[in-house]
Amino acid sequence: MLEESFSHLGLPGSFAFGLGLLEIGCTVIYLLPRTAVLGAILLTGYLGGAILTTLRVGDSWIMPLLLGVLIWGGLWLRDRNLRAKLPFVQ
């Protein structure tokens, strides 16, 4: 199943382990309060690559986009400094 999914995207199945480690690493950085903004930036880049890959083969790109919005929304809700720098209302 994993091999078929990666083949559909035009990627070798051997990339799965490395991409999984990269995503877990970025997520851990995001979950630590002191490095959460860096983690959000890294995850945004990771998801940008996911969007590009799915667009290239004609699949739906909505889920990676929504996940990116949720990442930044969650960070905005938990980080007072970020809310001060990026207010929705003034």
Protein backbone atom coordinates (compact mmCIF):
# COMPACT_ATOMS: atom_id res chain seq x y z
CA MET A 1 0.00 0.00 0.00
CA LEU A 2 2.77 2.45 0.94
CA GLU A 3 4.79 1.49 -2.13
CA GLU A 4 1.73 2.05 -4.33
CA SER A 5 1.05 5.47 -2.81
CA PHE A 6 4.63 6.62 -3.29
CA SER A 7 4.70 5.18 -6.80
CA HIS A 8 1.54 7.14 -7.64
CA LEU A 9 3.28 10.32 -6.49
CA GLY A 10 6.37 9.51 -8.55
CA LEU A 11 8.58 8.88 -5.52
CA PRO A 12 10.56 5.77 -4.63
CA GLY A 13 9.27 3.87 -1.62
CA SER A 14 12.68 4.19 0.02
CA PHE A 15 11.87 7.88 0.71
CA ALA A 16 9.12 6.94 3.20
CA PHE A 17 11.38 6.40 6.20
CA GLY A 18 13.34 9.62 5.71
CA LEU A 19 10.22 11.70 5.09
CA GLY A 20 8.60 10.20 8.18
CA LEU A 21 11.61 11.05 10.33
CA LEU A 22 11.67 14.57 8.94
CA GLU A 23 7.99 15.10 9.70
CA ILE A 24 8.32 13.71 13.22
CA GLY A 25 11.36 15.91 13.87
CA CYS A 26 9.56 19.04 12.68
CA THR A 27 6.53 18.11 14.78
CA VAL A 28 8.65 17.66 17.92
CA ILE A 29 10.22 21.08 17.34
CA TYR A 30 6.70 22.52 16.93
CA LEU A 31 5.47 20.92 20.16
CA LEU A 32 8.26 22.41 22.29
CA PRO A 33 7.14 25.88 23.45
CA ARG A 34 10.53 27.56 23.00
CA THR A 35 10.90 26.38 19.39
CA ALA A 36 7.24 26.29 18.32
CA VAL A 37 7.53 29.13 15.78
CA LEU A 38 10.52 27.45 14.12
CA GLY A 39 8.59 24.17 14.07
CA ALA A 40 5.59 25.87 12.45
CA ILE A 41 7.86 27.35 9.78
CA LEU A 42 9.48 23.96 9.12
CA LEU A 43 6.12 22.19 8.98
CA THR A 44 4.81 24.86 6.61
CA GLY A 45 7.71 24.14 4.26
CA TYR A 46 7.13 20.41 4.57
CA LEU A 47 3.44 20.82 3.78
CA GLY A 48 4.28 23.12 0.88
CA GLY A 49 6.22 20.24 -0.62
CA ALA A 50 3.26 17.94 -0.01
CA ILE A 51 0.94 20.40 -1.77
CA LEU A 52 3.30 20.65 -4.75
CA THR A 53 3.63 16.88 -4.99
CA THR A 54 -0.14 16.33 -4.94
CA LEU A 55 -0.74 19.13 -7.45
CA ARG A 56 1.82 17.59 -9.78
CA VAL A 57 -0.12 14.32 -9.99
CA GLY A 58 -3.58 15.92 -9.90
CA ASP A 59 -4.63 14.85 -6.40
CA SER A 60 -6.44 17.03 -3.88
CA TRP A 61 -4.23 19.57 -2.07
CA ILE A 62 -6.85 20.70 0.46
CA MET A 63 -5.77 18.49 3.39
CA PRO A 64 -2.13 19.67 3.54
CA LEU A 65 -3.38 23.26 3.28
CA LEU A 66 -5.89 22.79 6.10
CA LEU A 67 -3.25 21.13 8.25
CA GLY A 68 -0.96 24.14 7.74
CA VAL A 69 -3.78 26.50 8.74
CA LEU A 70 -4.44 24.39 11.86
CA ILE A 71 -0.74 24.44 12.78
CA TRP A 72 -0.55 28.24 12.63
CA GLY A 73 -3.99 28.63 14.25
CA GLY A 74 -2.96 26.42 17.15
CA LEU A 75 0.27 28.33 17.57
CA TRP A 76 -1.57 31.66 17.44
CA LEU A 77 -3.95 30.46 20.18
CA ARG A 78 -1.20 29.22 22.52
CA ASP A 79 1.44 31.95 22.01
CA ARG A 80 0.64 35.36 23.50
CA ASN A 81 3.62 36.99 21.76
CA LEU A 82 2.45 35.77 18.36
CA ARG A 83 -1.05 37.10 19.04
CA ALA A 84 0.47 40.49 19.88
CA LYS A 85 2.45 40.53 16.64
CA LEU A 86 -0.35 39.16 14.44
CA PRO A 87 -3.64 40.46 15.89
CA PHE A 88 -6.89 39.80 14.05
CA VAL A 89 -8.43 42.93 15.58
CA GLN A 90 -6.79 45.98 16.98
